[in-house]
Amino acid sequence: MGVEIRGDAEKERTVKNLHEGHLAERFLERADEESFNNLFRVFSPQLVSFFRRRGHETGVAEDLAQDVMLTVYRKAGQLRDHKLFRAWLFKVARNAACRYFTERSRQVPTVDLTDLIEVLPAATHSPLAPASEFKDWMKLLDDQERETMTLRFVEEWEYHEIAAAQAIPIGTVQWRVFNSKKKLAPHLSPRSEMCRKAA
């Protein structure tokens, strides 16, 4: 009896691995919205579990999983051997976890004010510049994405709270946040580059 159960579990694992491999291969060959959607649905919960097992709270784990999937979306073309997709995905996840811990443990950085004035001149002219920029970024999103991003990052709601409030599955909330980050990434990267130089 025990051998039978073990055999069934191994079969399930094999089928699951084949399914994951097929989804990854399809995405790597033709990275369109449908193939990425399927990949996201399968691997995002696994990444959340991966980060939860490493002691992260659910909200942080979900955010880190989103970041990893965004990296996958942007950098999957660099993966030469498609069979190594899963290993590469979790290597990206481990790096994200390390970066997060490093940022958390780092002391508050000091910045030379003269450097800051040179890098961010607009901030000295208008204290409302960040709020204005935020509103500009929100215009790039549709109504549903804007509402979801505001609840998640301004109101700081958890994913399950947003799902309950909007009467939608939690996966839809995660997808909207991910899609919004993907849309905003090209507009945010020049600013994050400036902040990195300032630090």
N, C-alpha and C. Protein backbone atom coordinates (compact mmCIF):
# COMPACT_ATOMS: atom_id res chain seq x y z
N MET A 1 0.83 -1.21 0.00
CA MET A 1 0.00 0.00 0.00
C MET A 1 0.87 1.26 0.00
N GLY A 2 1.88 1.29 0.89
CA GLY A 2 2.77 2.44 0.97
C GLY A 2 3.52 2.66 -0.33
N VAL A 3 3.91 1.55 -1.01
CA VAL A 3 4.63 1.64 -2.28
C VAL A 3 3.72 2.28 -3.34
N GLU A 4 2.42 1.87 -3.31
CA GLU A 4 1.45 2.42 -4.27
C GLU A 4 1.32 3.93 -4.11
N ILE A 5 1.19 4.39 -2.86
CA ILE A 5 1.03 5.82 -2.59
C ILE A 5 2.27 6.58 -3.07
N ARG A 6 3.45 6.01 -2.75
CA ARG A 6 4.68 6.66 -3.17
C ARG A 6 4.77 6.73 -4.69
N GLY A 7 4.34 5.65 -5.35
CA GLY A 7 4.34 5.60 -6.82
C GLY A 7 3.42 6.66 -7.40
N ASP A 8 2.23 6.83 -6.80
CA ASP A 8 1.28 7.85 -7.27
C ASP A 8 1.86 9.25 -7.10
N ALA A 9 2.51 9.49 -5.98
CA ALA A 9 3.10 10.81 -5.72
C ALA A 9 4.20 11.10 -6.74
N GLU A 10 5.00 10.08 -7.07
CA GLU A 10 6.06 10.27 -8.07
C GLU A 10 5.48 10.55 -9.44
N LYS A 11 4.38 9.85 -9.78
CA LYS A 11 3.71 10.09 -11.07
C LYS A 11 3.19 11.51 -11.13
N GLU A 12 2.56 11.95 -10.04
CA GLU A 12 2.03 13.32 -9.98
C GLU A 12 3.13 14.35 -10.18
N ARG A 13 4.26 14.10 -9.49
CA ARG A 13 5.39 15.02 -9.58
C ARG A 13 5.93 15.06 -11.01
N THR A 14 6.00 13.89 -11.68
CA THR A 14 6.48 13.82 -13.06
C THR A 14 5.56 14.59 -13.99
N VAL A 15 4.24 14.38 -13.83
CA VAL A 15 3.25 15.08 -14.66
C VAL A 15 3.38 16.59 -14.45
N LYS A 16 3.51 17.00 -13.17
CA LYS A 16 3.64 18.42 -12.83
C LYS A 16 4.89 19.02 -13.47
N ASN A 17 6.01 18.28 -13.38
CA ASN A 17 7.27 18.76 -13.97
C ASN A 17 7.18 18.89 -15.49
N LEU A 18 6.50 17.90 -16.13
CA LEU A 18 6.31 17.96 -17.58
C LEU A 18 5.46 19.18 -17.95
N HIS A 19 4.40 19.39 -17.18
CA HIS A 19 3.50 20.54 -17.42
C HIS A 19 4.27 21.86 -17.28
N GLU A 20 5.02 21.98 -16.19
CA GLU A 20 5.81 23.20 -15.97
C GLU A 20 6.83 23.39 -17.08
N GLY A 21 7.50 22.30 -17.46
CA GLY A 21 8.50 22.37 -18.53
C GLY A 21 7.88 22.82 -19.85
N HIS A 22 6.68 22.31 -20.13
CA HIS A 22 5.98 22.68 -21.37
C HIS A 22 5.62 24.17 -21.36
N LEU A 23 5.10 24.65 -20.23
CA LEU A 23 4.72 26.07 -20.12
C LEU A 23 5.95 26.98 -20.26
N ALA A 24 7.04 26.58 -19.61
CA ALA A 24 8.27 27.38 -19.69
C ALA A 24 8.80 27.41 -21.12
N GLU A 25 8.79 26.25 -21.78
CA GLU A 25 9.28 26.16 -23.16
C GLU A 25 8.46 27.04 -24.09
N ARG A 26 7.13 26.99 -23.91
CA ARG A 26 6.24 27.80 -24.77
C ARG A 26 6.52 29.29 -24.57
N PHE A 27 6.71 29.70 -23.31
CA PHE A 27 7.00 31.11 -23.03
C PHE A 27 8.35 31.52 -23.61
N LEU A 28 9.36 30.66 -23.45
CA LEU A 28 10.70 30.99 -23.92
C LEU A 28 10.76 31.05 -25.45
N GLU A 29 9.93 30.24 -26.12
CA GLU A 29 9.91 30.25 -27.58
C GLU A 29 9.11 31.44 -28.12
N ARG A 30 7.97 31.71 -27.45
CA ARG A 30 7.12 32.79 -27.94
C ARG A 30 6.56 33.54 -26.73
N ALA A 31 7.26 34.56 -26.31
CA ALA A 31 6.89 35.30 -25.09
C ALA A 31 5.74 36.26 -25.38
N ASP A 32 4.52 35.73 -25.35
CA ASP A 32 3.35 36.60 -25.52
C ASP A 32 2.58 36.64 -24.20
N GLU A 33 1.50 37.40 -24.18
CA GLU A 33 0.77 37.59 -22.93
C GLU A 33 0.16 36.28 -22.41
N GLU A 34 -0.37 35.47 -23.33
CA GLU A 34 -1.01 34.21 -22.92
C GLU A 34 0.01 33.25 -22.31
N SER A 35 1.17 33.10 -22.98
CA SER A 35 2.18 32.16 -22.46
C SER A 35 2.72 32.65 -21.12
N PHE A 36 2.86 33.97 -20.96
CA PHE A 36 3.35 34.48 -19.68
C PHE A 36 2.29 34.34 -18.60
N ASN A 37 1.03 34.57 -18.95
CA ASN A 37 -0.08 34.39 -18.00
C ASN A 37 -0.06 32.99 -17.41
N ASN A 38 0.09 31.99 -18.29
CA ASN A 38 0.11 30.59 -17.84
C ASN A 38 1.31 30.33 -16.94
N LEU A 39 2.44 30.87 -17.33
CA LEU A 39 3.66 30.71 -16.53
C LEU A 39 3.49 31.36 -15.16
N PHE A 40 2.92 32.55 -15.16
CA PHE A 40 2.69 33.31 -13.93
C PHE A 40 1.79 32.53 -12.97
N ARG A 41 0.70 31.96 -13.49
CA ARG A 41 -0.26 31.23 -12.63
C ARG A 41 0.39 30.02 -11.96
N VAL A 42 1.30 29.37 -12.67
CA VAL A 42 1.93 28.16 -12.13
C VAL A 42 3.07 28.50 -11.16
N PHE A 43 3.93 29.44 -11.55
CA PHE A 43 5.14 29.66 -10.77
C PHE A 43 5.00 30.72 -9.67
N SER A 44 4.09 31.66 -9.82
CA SER A 44 3.95 32.71 -8.81
C SER A 44 3.63 32.14 -7.41
N PRO A 45 2.65 31.22 -7.29
CA PRO A 45 2.38 30.64 -5.95
C PRO A 45 3.59 29.89 -5.39
N GLN A 46 4.36 29.23 -6.27
CA GLN A 46 5.56 28.52 -5.81
C GLN A 46 6.60 29.50 -5.27
N LEU A 47 6.72 30.63 -5.94
CA LEU A 47 7.68 31.65 -5.48
C LEU A 47 7.24 32.24 -4.14
N VAL A 48 5.93 32.48 -3.98
CA VAL A 48 5.41 32.99 -2.70
C VAL A 48 5.77 32.00 -1.60
N SER A 49 5.53 30.71 -1.84
CA SER A 49 5.87 29.67 -0.85
C SER A 49 7.37 29.67 -0.56
N PHE A 50 8.17 29.82 -1.61
CA PHE A 50 9.63 29.86 -1.47
C PHE A 50 10.04 30.97 -0.51
N PHE A 51 9.48 32.17 -0.70
CA PHE A 51 9.84 33.30 0.17
C PHE A 51 9.24 33.16 1.57
N ARG A 52 8.04 32.58 1.67
CA ARG A 52 7.42 32.37 3.00
C ARG A 52 8.27 31.40 3.82
N ARG A 53 8.79 30.35 3.17
CA ARG A 53 9.63 29.37 3.88
C ARG A 53 10.91 30.01 4.39
N ARG A 54 11.30 31.12 3.80
CA ARG A 54 12.51 31.82 4.23
C ARG A 54 12.19 32.92 5.23
N GLY A 55 10.99 32.90 5.79
CA GLY A 55 10.65 33.79 6.90
C GLY A 55 10.03 35.12 6.52
N HIS A 56 9.70 35.32 5.25
CA HIS A 56 9.09 36.58 4.85
C HIS A 56 7.59 36.56 5.14
N GLU A 57 7.05 37.72 5.52
CA GLU A 57 5.61 37.83 5.70
C GLU A 57 4.94 37.68 4.34
N THR A 58 3.64 37.35 4.36
CA THR A 58 2.92 37.08 3.11
C THR A 58 3.02 38.23 2.12
N GLY A 59 2.79 39.47 2.58
CA GLY A 59 2.83 40.63 1.68
C GLY A 59 4.19 40.79 1.03
N VAL A 60 5.25 40.64 1.81
CA VAL A 60 6.61 40.76 1.29
C VAL A 60 6.89 39.63 0.30
N ALA A 61 6.48 38.41 0.67
CA ALA A 61 6.68 37.25 -0.21
C ALA A 61 5.99 37.46 -1.56
N GLU A 62 4.78 38.00 -1.52
CA GLU A 62 4.02 38.25 -2.77
C GLU A 62 4.71 39.33 -3.60
N ASP A 63 5.20 40.38 -2.95
CA ASP A 63 5.90 41.44 -3.68
C ASP A 63 7.20 40.92 -4.31
N LEU A 64 7.94 40.12 -3.56
CA LEU A 64 9.18 39.55 -4.09
C LEU A 64 8.89 38.61 -5.26
N ALA A 65 7.82 37.82 -5.14
CA ALA A 65 7.43 36.93 -6.24
C ALA A 65 7.10 37.74 -7.49
N GLN A 66 6.39 38.86 -7.30
CA GLN A 66 6.08 39.76 -8.43
C GLN A 66 7.36 40.26 -9.09
N ASP A 67 8.32 40.68 -8.27
CA ASP A 67 9.58 41.20 -8.80
C ASP A 67 10.34 40.13 -9.58
N VAL A 68 10.34 38.90 -9.06
CA VAL A 68 11.01 37.80 -9.75
C VAL A 68 10.35 37.55 -11.10
N MET A 69 9.02 37.51 -11.12
CA MET A 69 8.32 37.26 -12.38
C MET A 69 8.54 38.41 -13.37
N LEU A 70 8.69 39.62 -12.87
CA LEU A 70 9.00 40.75 -13.76
C LEU A 70 10.40 40.57 -14.37
N THR A 71 11.35 40.11 -13.55
CA THR A 71 12.70 39.83 -14.05
C THR A 71 12.65 38.73 -15.10
N VAL A 72 11.87 37.68 -14.83
CA VAL A 72 11.72 36.58 -15.79
C VAL A 72 11.18 37.12 -17.11
N TYR A 73 10.17 37.96 -17.03
CA TYR A 73 9.55 38.52 -18.23
C TYR A 73 10.58 39.32 -19.05
N ARG A 74 11.41 40.09 -18.34
CA ARG A 74 12.34 40.97 -19.03
C ARG A 74 13.63 40.28 -19.48
N LYS A 75 14.06 39.23 -18.76
CA LYS A 75 15.40 38.67 -19.02
C LYS A 75 15.41 37.22 -19.48
N ALA A 76 14.24 36.64 -19.71
CA ALA A 76 14.20 35.22 -20.10
C ALA A 76 14.96 34.96 -21.39
N GLY A 77 15.05 35.95 -22.25
CA GLY A 77 15.78 35.79 -23.51
C GLY A 77 17.26 35.48 -23.31
N GLN A 78 17.79 35.78 -22.12
CA GLN A 78 19.20 35.53 -21.84
C GLN A 78 19.48 34.06 -21.49
N LEU A 79 18.41 33.30 -21.23
CA LEU A 79 18.58 31.90 -20.83
C LEU A 79 18.86 31.04 -22.07
N ARG A 80 20.05 30.48 -22.12
CA ARG A 80 20.44 29.70 -23.32
C ARG A 80 19.82 28.31 -23.32
N ASP A 81 19.94 27.61 -22.20
CA ASP A 81 19.41 26.24 -22.12
C ASP A 81 18.02 26.27 -21.48
N HIS A 82 17.00 26.07 -22.30
CA HIS A 82 15.62 26.16 -21.82
C HIS A 82 15.29 25.13 -20.74
N LYS A 83 16.03 24.03 -20.71
CA LYS A 83 15.76 22.98 -19.70
C LYS A 83 16.14 23.46 -18.30
N LEU A 84 16.95 24.51 -18.23
CA LEU A 84 17.39 25.03 -16.94
C LEU A 84 16.49 26.15 -16.41
N PHE A 85 15.31 26.32 -17.03
CA PHE A 85 14.44 27.44 -16.66
C PHE A 85 14.12 27.45 -15.16
N ARG A 86 13.66 26.31 -14.64
CA ARG A 86 13.25 26.26 -13.23
C ARG A 86 14.41 26.60 -12.29
N ALA A 87 15.58 26.05 -12.58
CA ALA A 87 16.77 26.34 -11.75
C ALA A 87 17.11 27.83 -11.83
N TRP A 88 17.02 28.38 -13.04
CA TRP A 88 17.31 29.81 -13.22
C TRP A 88 16.30 30.67 -12.48
N LEU A 89 15.02 30.30 -12.57
CA LEU A 89 13.95 31.04 -11.89
C LEU A 89 14.22 31.13 -10.39
N PHE A 90 14.58 30.00 -9.77
CA PHE A 90 14.80 30.01 -8.33
C PHE A 90 16.15 30.61 -7.95
N LYS A 91 17.08 30.67 -8.90
CA LYS A 91 18.32 31.41 -8.65
C LYS A 91 17.99 32.91 -8.59
N VAL A 92 17.13 33.36 -9.52
CA VAL A 92 16.67 34.76 -9.50
C VAL A 92 15.97 35.04 -8.17
N ALA A 93 15.15 34.08 -7.71
CA ALA A 93 14.43 34.24 -6.45
C ALA A 93 15.39 34.32 -5.26
N ARG A 94 16.41 33.46 -5.25
CA ARG A 94 17.40 33.51 -4.15
C ARG A 94 18.13 34.85 -4.14
N ASN A 95 18.48 35.34 -5.33
CA ASN A 95 19.15 36.65 -5.42
C ASN A 95 18.24 37.76 -4.91
N ALA A 96 16.95 37.68 -5.24
CA ALA A 96 15.98 38.69 -4.78
C ALA A 96 15.89 38.66 -3.25
N ALA A 97 15.86 37.45 -2.67
CA ALA A 97 15.79 37.31 -1.21
C ALA A 97 17.05 37.90 -0.56
N CYS A 98 18.21 37.62 -1.15
CA CYS A 98 19.47 38.16 -0.61
C CYS A 98 19.48 39.68 -0.67
N ARG A 99 19.06 40.23 -1.82
CA ARG A 99 19.01 41.69 -1.96
C ARG A 99 18.09 42.30 -0.93
N TYR A 100 16.94 41.66 -0.71
CA TYR A 100 15.96 42.19 0.24
C TYR A 100 16.56 42.22 1.65
N PHE A 101 17.21 41.10 2.05
CA PHE A 101 17.82 41.05 3.38
C PHE A 101 18.94 42.08 3.52
N THR A 102 19.72 42.26 2.45
CA THR A 102 20.82 43.23 2.48
C THR A 102 20.26 44.64 2.67
N GLU A 103 19.20 44.96 1.90
CA GLU A 103 18.60 46.29 2.03
C GLU A 103 18.03 46.52 3.42
N ARG A 104 17.40 45.47 3.98
CA ARG A 104 16.80 45.60 5.31
C ARG A 104 17.86 45.77 6.39
N SER A 105 18.99 45.09 6.24
CA SER A 105 20.02 45.13 7.29
C SER A 105 20.94 46.34 7.17
N ARG A 106 20.94 46.95 6.00
CA ARG A 106 21.81 48.11 5.78
C ARG A 106 21.34 49.29 6.64
N GLN A 107 22.27 50.03 7.19
CA GLN A 107 21.90 51.21 7.97
C GLN A 107 21.44 52.31 7.02
N VAL A 108 20.78 53.30 7.58
CA VAL A 108 20.29 54.41 6.77
C VAL A 108 21.47 55.07 6.08
N PRO A 109 21.45 55.13 4.74
CA PRO A 109 22.60 55.72 4.04
C PRO A 109 22.64 57.23 4.21
N THR A 110 23.85 57.77 4.23
CA THR A 110 23.99 59.23 4.29
C THR A 110 24.27 59.72 2.88
N VAL A 111 23.71 60.88 2.57
CA VAL A 111 23.85 61.44 1.23
C VAL A 111 24.40 62.85 1.36
N ASP A 112 25.38 63.17 0.53
CA ASP A 112 25.92 64.52 0.48
C ASP A 112 24.86 65.41 -0.19
N LEU A 113 24.40 66.44 0.52
CA LEU A 113 23.32 67.28 -0.01
C LEU A 113 23.69 67.96 -1.31
N THR A 114 24.95 68.30 -1.52
CA THR A 114 25.33 68.94 -2.78
C THR A 114 25.14 67.97 -3.95
N ASP A 115 25.48 66.69 -3.73
CA ASP A 115 25.25 65.68 -4.77
C ASP A 115 23.77 65.54 -5.06
N LEU A 116 22.97 65.53 -3.99
CA LEU A 116 21.54 65.35 -4.14
C LEU A 116 20.91 66.50 -4.93
N ILE A 117 21.37 67.71 -4.68
CA ILE A 117 20.85 68.88 -5.39
C ILE A 117 21.17 68.78 -6.88
N GLU A 118 22.38 68.28 -7.21
CA GLU A 118 22.76 68.12 -8.61
C GLU A 118 21.94 67.04 -9.29
N VAL A 119 21.70 65.95 -8.59
CA VAL A 119 21.00 64.81 -9.19
C VAL A 119 19.51 65.06 -9.31
N LEU A 120 18.91 65.66 -8.30
CA LEU A 120 17.46 65.88 -8.30
C LEU A 120 17.12 67.37 -8.17
N PRO A 121 17.45 68.15 -9.19
CA PRO A 121 17.20 69.59 -9.06
C PRO A 121 15.72 69.93 -8.93
N ALA A 122 14.85 69.15 -9.55
CA ALA A 122 13.41 69.47 -9.51
C ALA A 122 12.87 69.42 -8.10
N ALA A 123 13.41 68.55 -7.27
CA ALA A 123 12.89 68.39 -5.91
C ALA A 123 13.09 69.66 -5.08
N THR A 124 14.14 70.44 -5.38
CA THR A 124 14.39 71.65 -4.60
C THR A 124 13.42 72.77 -4.98
N HIS A 125 12.91 72.72 -6.22
CA HIS A 125 12.00 73.76 -6.67
C HIS A 125 10.57 73.53 -6.22
N SER A 126 10.17 72.26 -6.16
CA SER A 126 8.78 71.98 -5.82
C SER A 126 8.67 70.80 -4.87
N PRO A 127 8.17 71.05 -3.65
CA PRO A 127 8.00 69.93 -2.73
C PRO A 127 6.91 68.97 -3.18
N LEU A 128 6.09 69.40 -4.15
CA LEU A 128 5.00 68.55 -4.63
C LEU A 128 5.43 67.68 -5.80
N ALA A 129 6.70 67.77 -6.23
CA ALA A 129 7.16 67.02 -7.40
C ALA A 129 6.90 65.51 -7.30
N PRO A 130 7.24 64.83 -6.18
CA PRO A 130 6.98 63.39 -6.12
C PRO A 130 5.49 63.06 -6.26
N ALA A 131 4.63 63.84 -5.62
CA ALA A 131 3.18 63.59 -5.72
C ALA A 131 2.72 63.79 -7.15
N SER A 132 3.25 64.81 -7.80
CA SER A 132 2.89 65.09 -9.19
C SER A 132 3.36 63.96 -10.10
N GLU A 133 4.60 63.47 -9.85
CA GLU A 133 5.12 62.35 -10.63
C GLU A 133 4.25 61.12 -10.45
N PHE A 134 3.84 60.86 -9.20
CA PHE A 134 2.99 59.70 -8.91
C PHE A 134 1.71 59.76 -9.72
N LYS A 135 1.09 60.95 -9.76
CA LYS A 135 -0.16 61.12 -10.53
C LYS A 135 0.09 60.89 -12.01
N ASP A 136 1.23 61.36 -12.51
CA ASP A 136 1.57 61.14 -13.92
C ASP A 136 1.72 59.65 -14.22
N TRP A 137 2.40 58.93 -13.31
CA TRP A 137 2.58 57.49 -13.52
C TRP A 137 1.23 56.77 -13.51
N MET A 138 0.34 57.17 -12.61
CA MET A 138 -0.96 56.52 -12.50
C MET A 138 -1.79 56.68 -13.77
N LYS A 139 -1.54 57.77 -14.52
CA LYS A 139 -2.27 58.00 -15.78
C LYS A 139 -1.93 56.94 -16.82
N LEU A 140 -0.79 56.27 -16.66
CA LEU A 140 -0.37 55.23 -17.61
C LEU A 140 -1.16 53.93 -17.42
N LEU A 141 -1.90 53.83 -16.31
CA LEU A 141 -2.62 52.60 -16.00
C LEU A 141 -4.12 52.76 -16.27
N ASP A 142 -4.80 51.62 -16.48
CA ASP A 142 -6.26 51.72 -16.62
C ASP A 142 -6.89 51.84 -15.23
N ASP A 143 -8.20 52.07 -15.19
CA ASP A 143 -8.88 52.33 -13.91
C ASP A 143 -8.69 51.22 -12.89
N GLN A 144 -8.84 49.96 -13.34
CA GLN A 144 -8.72 48.82 -12.42
C GLN A 144 -7.30 48.73 -11.86
N GLU A 145 -6.31 48.89 -12.74
CA GLU A 145 -4.91 48.82 -12.29
C GLU A 145 -4.60 49.96 -11.33
N ARG A 146 -5.10 51.15 -11.64
CA ARG A 146 -4.84 52.33 -10.80
C ARG A 146 -5.41 52.10 -9.39
N GLU A 147 -6.64 51.60 -9.35
CA GLU A 147 -7.28 51.35 -8.04
C GLU A 147 -6.51 50.29 -7.26
N THR A 148 -6.12 49.21 -7.94
CA THR A 148 -5.39 48.12 -7.28
C THR A 148 -4.03 48.60 -6.77
N MET A 149 -3.31 49.37 -7.58
CA MET A 149 -1.99 49.86 -7.17
C MET A 149 -2.10 50.85 -6.01
N THR A 150 -3.13 51.66 -6.01
CA THR A 150 -3.33 52.62 -4.91
C THR A 150 -3.61 51.88 -3.61
N LEU A 151 -4.49 50.87 -3.68
CA LEU A 151 -4.80 50.08 -2.48
C LEU A 151 -3.56 49.36 -1.97
N ARG A 152 -2.76 48.82 -2.91
CA ARG A 152 -1.60 48.01 -2.51
C ARG A 152 -0.46 48.86 -1.95
N PHE A 153 -0.13 49.97 -2.65
CA PHE A 153 1.09 50.69 -2.30
C PHE A 153 0.86 52.02 -1.59
N VAL A 154 -0.32 52.59 -1.70
CA VAL A 154 -0.60 53.83 -0.97
C VAL A 154 -1.33 53.48 0.34
N GLU A 155 -2.42 52.71 0.21
CA GLU A 155 -3.17 52.29 1.40
C GLU A 155 -2.50 51.13 2.14
N GLU A 156 -1.56 50.45 1.45
CA GLU A 156 -0.82 49.31 2.01
C GLU A 156 -1.71 48.15 2.42
N TRP A 157 -2.71 47.84 1.58
CA TRP A 157 -3.57 46.69 1.81
C TRP A 157 -2.84 45.43 1.38
N GLU A 158 -3.19 44.30 2.00
CA GLU A 158 -2.67 43.00 1.59
C GLU A 158 -3.45 42.54 0.35
N TYR A 159 -2.86 41.59 -0.40
CA TYR A 159 -3.52 41.11 -1.62
C TYR A 159 -4.90 40.53 -1.34
N HIS A 160 -5.03 39.75 -0.26
CA HIS A 160 -6.32 39.12 0.04
C HIS A 160 -7.38 40.16 0.40
N GLU A 161 -6.96 41.28 1.01
CA GLU A 161 -7.90 42.35 1.36
C GLU A 161 -8.42 43.04 0.09
N ILE A 162 -7.52 43.26 -0.86
CA ILE A 162 -7.92 43.87 -2.13
C ILE A 162 -8.87 42.94 -2.88
N ALA A 163 -8.53 41.64 -2.89
CA ALA A 163 -9.37 40.66 -3.58
C ALA A 163 -10.78 40.66 -2.99
N ALA A 164 -10.88 40.70 -1.66
CA ALA A 164 -12.19 40.70 -1.00
C ALA A 164 -12.95 41.99 -1.31
N ALA A 165 -12.27 43.12 -1.27
CA ALA A 165 -12.92 44.41 -1.51
C ALA A 165 -13.42 44.53 -2.94
N GLN A 166 -12.66 43.98 -3.89
CA GLN A 166 -13.03 44.10 -5.30
C GLN A 166 -13.81 42.90 -5.81
N ALA A 167 -14.03 41.90 -4.93
CA ALA A 167 -14.76 40.67 -5.27
C ALA A 167 -14.15 39.99 -6.50
N ILE A 168 -12.82 39.83 -6.47
CA ILE A 168 -12.11 39.14 -7.54
C ILE A 168 -11.13 38.15 -6.92
N PRO A 169 -10.68 37.15 -7.69
CA PRO A 169 -9.70 36.20 -7.14
C PRO A 169 -8.38 36.89 -6.82
N ILE A 170 -7.67 36.35 -5.84
CA ILE A 170 -6.39 36.93 -5.42
C ILE A 170 -5.38 36.91 -6.58
N GLY A 171 -5.47 35.88 -7.43
CA GLY A 171 -4.58 35.80 -8.59
C GLY A 171 -4.76 36.97 -9.54
N THR A 172 -6.01 37.44 -9.67
CA THR A 172 -6.29 38.59 -10.53
C THR A 172 -5.66 39.85 -9.95
N VAL A 173 -5.72 39.98 -8.63
CA VAL A 173 -5.08 41.13 -7.96
C VAL A 173 -3.58 41.09 -8.23
N GLN A 174 -2.98 39.91 -8.05
CA GLN A 174 -1.53 39.77 -8.26
C GLN A 174 -1.17 40.09 -9.71
N TRP A 175 -2.01 39.62 -10.64
CA TRP A 175 -1.74 39.87 -12.05
C TRP A 175 -1.82 41.37 -12.35
N ARG A 176 -2.82 42.06 -11.78
CA ARG A 176 -2.96 43.51 -12.03
C ARG A 176 -1.74 44.27 -11.49
N VAL A 177 -1.28 43.88 -10.29
CA VAL A 177 -0.10 44.54 -9.72
C VAL A 177 1.11 44.28 -10.61
N PHE A 178 1.27 43.03 -11.02
CA PHE A 178 2.40 42.67 -11.87
C PHE A 178 2.36 43.45 -13.19
N ASN A 179 1.19 43.44 -13.82
CA ASN A 179 1.04 44.10 -15.12
C ASN A 179 1.31 45.60 -14.99
N SER A 180 0.85 46.19 -13.89
CA SER A 180 1.07 47.62 -13.65
C SER A 180 2.56 47.91 -13.48
N LYS A 181 3.25 47.06 -12.71
CA LYS A 181 4.70 47.24 -12.53
C LYS A 181 5.41 47.14 -13.87
N LYS A 182 4.94 46.21 -14.71
CA LYS A 182 5.55 46.02 -16.03
C LYS A 182 5.36 47.29 -16.87
N LYS A 183 4.17 47.87 -16.83
CA LYS A 183 3.89 49.10 -17.59
C LYS A 183 4.73 50.27 -17.08
N LEU A 184 4.89 50.34 -15.76
CA LEU A 184 5.57 51.49 -15.16
C LEU A 184 7.09 51.37 -15.18
N ALA A 185 7.61 50.14 -15.29
CA ALA A 185 9.06 49.91 -15.18
C ALA A 185 9.90 50.81 -16.09
N PRO A 186 9.55 50.96 -17.38
CA PRO A 186 10.39 51.83 -18.23
C PRO A 186 10.41 53.29 -17.76
N HIS A 187 9.34 53.74 -17.11
CA HIS A 187 9.27 55.13 -16.66
C HIS A 187 9.96 55.34 -15.32
N LEU A 188 10.07 54.26 -14.52
CA LEU A 188 10.66 54.38 -13.18
C LEU A 188 12.17 54.17 -13.21
N SER A 189 12.68 53.42 -14.19
CA SER A 189 14.10 53.07 -14.17
C SER A 189 15.04 54.27 -14.24
N PRO A 190 14.75 55.34 -15.03
CA PRO A 190 15.68 56.47 -15.00
C PRO A 190 15.79 57.11 -13.62
N ARG A 191 14.67 57.18 -12.88
CA ARG A 191 14.68 57.79 -11.55
C ARG A 191 15.46 56.92 -10.56
N SER A 192 15.24 55.57 -10.64
CA SER A 192 15.97 54.70 -9.71
C SER A 192 17.47 54.75 -10.01
N GLU A 193 17.83 54.95 -11.28
CA GLU A 193 19.25 55.08 -11.66
C GLU A 193 19.84 56.32 -11.01
N MET A 194 19.08 57.43 -11.00
CA MET A 194 19.56 58.67 -10.39
C MET A 194 19.74 58.50 -8.89
N CYS A 195 18.77 57.80 -8.26
CA CYS A 195 18.85 57.59 -6.81
C CYS A 195 20.05 56.72 -6.46
N ARG A 196 20.34 55.72 -7.33
CA ARG A 196 21.50 54.86 -7.08
C ARG A 196 22.78 55.68 -7.13
N LYS A 197 22.88 56.60 -8.13
CA LYS A 197 24.06 57.44 -8.23
C LYS A 197 24.19 58.35 -7.03
N ALA A 198 23.04 58.84 -6.53
CA ALA A 198 23.06 59.75 -5.38
C ALA A 198 23.56 59.04 -4.14
N ALA A 199 23.21 57.75 -3.99
CA ALA A 199 23.63 57.00 -2.83
C ALA A 199 25.10 56.65 -2.96
